[in-house]
């Protein structure tokens, strides 16, 4: 789980929100991700001061990049 957190933090903060800030003035950052149970992942982030979350079921079926892409489609 720690490697996934590091990956998502880097991709969300240094790719997604870096570009969103430059292109659209949207400010956001990764907060955390946690396994709710053995099959469910919760990703938590903040965007323009509002905390948001995304639940991904059966997350172990996906690689890190796929999890990031699912998050992007929020």
N, C-alpha and C. Protein backbone atom coordinates (compact mmCIF):
# COMPACT_ATOMS: atom_id res chain seq x y z
N UNK A 1 0.83 -1.19 0.00
CA UNK A 1 0.00 0.00 0.00
C UNK A 1 0.87 1.26 0.00
N UNK A 2 2.00 1.21 0.67
CA UNK A 2 2.86 2.39 0.75
C UNK A 2 3.39 2.80 -0.63
N UNK A 3 3.73 1.83 -1.46
CA UNK A 3 4.20 2.15 -2.81
C UNK A 3 3.09 2.78 -3.64
N UNK A 4 1.88 2.30 -3.47
CA UNK A 4 0.74 2.89 -4.18
C UNK A 4 0.52 4.33 -3.73
N UNK A 5 0.60 4.59 -2.43
CA UNK A 5 0.45 5.96 -1.92
C UNK A 5 1.49 6.90 -2.52
N UNK A 6 2.72 6.45 -2.55
CA UNK A 6 3.80 7.27 -3.12
C UNK A 6 3.54 7.55 -4.59
N UNK A 7 3.13 6.53 -5.32
CA UNK A 7 2.85 6.68 -6.76
C UNK A 7 1.71 7.68 -6.98
N UNK A 8 0.59 7.48 -6.29
CA UNK A 8 -0.56 8.36 -6.48
C UNK A 8 -0.26 9.79 -6.05
N UNK A 9 0.45 9.94 -4.95
CA UNK A 9 0.80 11.29 -4.50
C UNK A 9 1.62 12.01 -5.56
N UNK A 10 2.59 11.33 -6.14
CA UNK A 10 3.42 11.93 -7.17
C UNK A 10 2.60 12.27 -8.42
N UNK A 11 1.82 11.31 -8.92
CA UNK A 11 1.06 11.53 -10.15
C UNK A 11 -0.01 12.61 -9.97
N UNK A 12 -0.73 12.56 -8.86
CA UNK A 12 -1.81 13.52 -8.65
C UNK A 12 -1.25 14.92 -8.40
N UNK A 13 -0.24 15.04 -7.54
CA UNK A 13 0.29 16.36 -7.21
C UNK A 13 1.17 16.94 -8.31
N UNK A 14 2.06 16.14 -8.87
CA UNK A 14 3.08 16.66 -9.77
C UNK A 14 2.74 16.55 -11.25
N UNK A 15 1.62 15.94 -11.56
CA UNK A 15 1.19 15.84 -12.95
C UNK A 15 -0.20 16.47 -13.09
N UNK A 16 -1.19 15.82 -12.51
CA UNK A 16 -2.57 16.27 -12.67
C UNK A 16 -2.77 17.70 -12.16
N UNK A 17 -2.50 17.93 -10.88
CA UNK A 17 -2.79 19.25 -10.31
C UNK A 17 -1.77 20.31 -10.68
N UNK A 18 -0.57 19.91 -11.02
CA UNK A 18 0.39 20.89 -11.53
C UNK A 18 -0.14 21.47 -12.84
N UNK A 19 -0.59 20.61 -13.74
CA UNK A 19 -1.14 21.06 -15.02
C UNK A 19 -2.48 21.79 -14.83
N UNK A 20 -3.32 21.29 -13.93
CA UNK A 20 -4.62 21.93 -13.70
C UNK A 20 -4.43 23.35 -13.15
N UNK A 21 -3.43 23.53 -12.30
CA UNK A 21 -3.14 24.86 -11.75
C UNK A 21 -2.69 25.81 -12.86
N UNK A 22 -1.78 25.34 -13.68
CA UNK A 22 -1.25 26.16 -14.77
C UNK A 22 -2.32 26.45 -15.83
N UNK A 23 -3.11 25.46 -16.18
CA UNK A 23 -4.07 25.59 -17.28
C UNK A 23 -5.41 26.21 -16.86
N UNK A 24 -5.89 25.86 -15.67
CA UNK A 24 -7.25 26.24 -15.29
C UNK A 24 -7.36 26.95 -13.95
N UNK A 25 -6.24 27.12 -13.24
CA UNK A 25 -6.28 27.77 -11.93
C UNK A 25 -6.91 26.91 -10.84
N UNK A 26 -6.97 25.61 -11.07
CA UNK A 26 -7.54 24.68 -10.08
C UNK A 26 -6.42 24.23 -9.15
N UNK A 27 -6.65 24.40 -7.86
CA UNK A 27 -5.65 24.03 -6.87
C UNK A 27 -6.09 22.76 -6.16
N UNK A 28 -5.22 21.77 -6.13
CA UNK A 28 -5.58 20.52 -5.47
C UNK A 28 -4.35 19.72 -5.09
N UNK A 29 -4.57 18.70 -4.26
CA UNK A 29 -3.48 17.82 -3.87
C UNK A 29 -4.02 16.52 -3.29
N UNK A 30 -3.19 15.50 -3.40
CA UNK A 30 -3.45 14.18 -2.83
C UNK A 30 -3.36 14.27 -1.32
N UNK A 31 -4.27 13.62 -0.62
CA UNK A 31 -4.22 13.56 0.84
C UNK A 31 -3.78 12.17 1.28
N UNK A 32 -4.49 11.14 0.84
CA UNK A 32 -4.17 9.78 1.30
C UNK A 32 -4.95 8.77 0.47
N UNK A 33 -4.57 7.52 0.62
CA UNK A 33 -5.38 6.42 0.13
C UNK A 33 -5.29 5.32 1.17
N UNK A 34 -6.37 4.57 1.26
CA UNK A 34 -6.42 3.51 2.27
C UNK A 34 -7.27 2.35 1.78
N UNK A 35 -6.91 1.19 2.23
CA UNK A 35 -7.68 0.01 1.93
C UNK A 35 -8.80 -0.08 2.96
N UNK A 36 -10.03 -0.02 2.50
CA UNK A 36 -11.18 -0.09 3.41
C UNK A 36 -11.40 -1.54 3.84
N UNK A 37 -11.27 -2.42 2.90
CA UNK A 37 -11.26 -3.86 3.17
C UNK A 37 -10.36 -4.48 2.12
N UNK A 38 -10.30 -5.77 2.06
CA UNK A 38 -9.34 -6.40 1.15
C UNK A 38 -9.61 -6.11 -0.32
N UNK A 39 -10.81 -5.64 -0.65
CA UNK A 39 -11.19 -5.42 -2.05
C UNK A 39 -11.41 -3.96 -2.43
N UNK A 40 -11.41 -3.05 -1.47
CA UNK A 40 -11.84 -1.68 -1.73
C UNK A 40 -10.77 -0.67 -1.35
N UNK A 41 -10.49 0.24 -2.27
CA UNK A 41 -9.52 1.31 -2.05
C UNK A 41 -10.26 2.64 -2.03
N UNK A 42 -9.89 3.49 -1.09
CA UNK A 42 -10.44 4.85 -0.99
C UNK A 42 -9.30 5.83 -1.22
N UNK A 43 -9.44 6.69 -2.22
CA UNK A 43 -8.47 7.74 -2.49
C UNK A 43 -9.07 9.06 -2.03
N UNK A 44 -8.30 9.81 -1.25
CA UNK A 44 -8.76 11.08 -0.69
C UNK A 44 -7.87 12.20 -1.20
N UNK A 45 -8.49 13.26 -1.68
CA UNK A 45 -7.74 14.42 -2.16
C UNK A 45 -8.53 15.68 -1.87
N UNK A 46 -7.90 16.81 -2.09
CA UNK A 46 -8.56 18.09 -1.90
C UNK A 46 -8.46 18.89 -3.19
N UNK A 47 -9.56 19.54 -3.54
CA UNK A 47 -9.58 20.38 -4.74
C UNK A 47 -10.29 21.68 -4.41
N UNK A 48 -9.56 22.78 -4.58
CA UNK A 48 -10.09 24.11 -4.27
C UNK A 48 -10.72 24.17 -2.88
N UNK A 49 -10.03 23.56 -1.91
CA UNK A 49 -10.46 23.61 -0.52
C UNK A 49 -11.53 22.62 -0.13
N UNK A 50 -11.98 21.79 -1.05
CA UNK A 50 -13.03 20.81 -0.76
C UNK A 50 -12.42 19.41 -0.78
N UNK A 51 -12.59 18.69 0.32
CA UNK A 51 -12.08 17.31 0.39
C UNK A 51 -13.02 16.39 -0.38
N UNK A 52 -12.42 15.53 -1.20
CA UNK A 52 -13.18 14.60 -2.03
C UNK A 52 -12.61 13.20 -1.85
N UNK A 53 -13.39 12.20 -2.24
CA UNK A 53 -12.87 10.83 -2.22
C UNK A 53 -13.45 10.02 -3.37
N UNK A 54 -12.74 8.99 -3.69
CA UNK A 54 -13.13 8.07 -4.77
C UNK A 54 -12.92 6.65 -4.26
N UNK A 55 -13.91 5.82 -4.45
CA UNK A 55 -13.84 4.41 -4.06
C UNK A 55 -13.59 3.59 -5.32
N UNK A 56 -12.61 2.70 -5.24
CA UNK A 56 -12.33 1.78 -6.33
C UNK A 56 -12.46 0.36 -5.79
N UNK A 57 -13.41 -0.38 -6.32
CA UNK A 57 -13.62 -1.76 -5.90
C UNK A 57 -12.68 -2.70 -6.65
N UNK A 58 -12.30 -3.75 -6.00
CA UNK A 58 -11.39 -4.75 -6.57
C UNK A 58 -10.13 -4.10 -7.15
N UNK A 59 -9.59 -3.16 -6.40
CA UNK A 59 -8.44 -2.38 -6.87
C UNK A 59 -7.22 -3.24 -7.15
N UNK A 60 -7.12 -4.38 -6.53
CA UNK A 60 -5.96 -5.25 -6.75
C UNK A 60 -5.96 -5.87 -8.15
N UNK A 61 -7.08 -5.70 -8.89
CA UNK A 61 -7.14 -6.14 -10.29
C UNK A 61 -6.41 -5.18 -11.23
N UNK A 62 -6.02 -4.00 -10.72
CA UNK A 62 -5.45 -2.95 -11.56
C UNK A 62 -4.00 -2.66 -11.16
N UNK A 63 -3.22 -2.22 -12.14
CA UNK A 63 -1.87 -1.76 -11.79
C UNK A 63 -1.97 -0.30 -11.33
N UNK A 64 -0.85 0.26 -10.87
CA UNK A 64 -0.87 1.61 -10.32
C UNK A 64 -1.36 2.63 -11.34
N UNK A 65 -0.89 2.52 -12.56
CA UNK A 65 -1.29 3.48 -13.60
C UNK A 65 -2.79 3.40 -13.87
N UNK A 66 -3.34 2.21 -13.90
CA UNK A 66 -4.77 2.04 -14.13
C UNK A 66 -5.59 2.65 -12.99
N UNK A 67 -5.10 2.51 -11.75
CA UNK A 67 -5.78 3.12 -10.61
C UNK A 67 -5.77 4.64 -10.75
N UNK A 68 -4.63 5.18 -11.17
CA UNK A 68 -4.54 6.62 -11.40
C UNK A 68 -5.53 7.05 -12.49
N UNK A 69 -5.62 6.30 -13.57
CA UNK A 69 -6.55 6.64 -14.66
C UNK A 69 -8.00 6.57 -14.19
N UNK A 70 -8.33 5.60 -13.37
CA UNK A 70 -9.69 5.51 -12.82
C UNK A 70 -9.96 6.74 -11.96
N UNK A 71 -9.00 7.14 -11.16
CA UNK A 71 -9.15 8.35 -10.34
C UNK A 71 -9.38 9.57 -11.24
N UNK A 72 -8.63 9.69 -12.32
CA UNK A 72 -8.76 10.84 -13.21
C UNK A 72 -10.16 10.94 -13.80
N UNK A 73 -10.82 9.81 -14.00
CA UNK A 73 -12.15 9.80 -14.60
C UNK A 73 -13.24 10.15 -13.61
N UNK A 74 -12.86 10.45 -12.38
CA UNK A 74 -13.81 10.74 -11.33
C UNK A 74 -14.95 11.54 -11.86
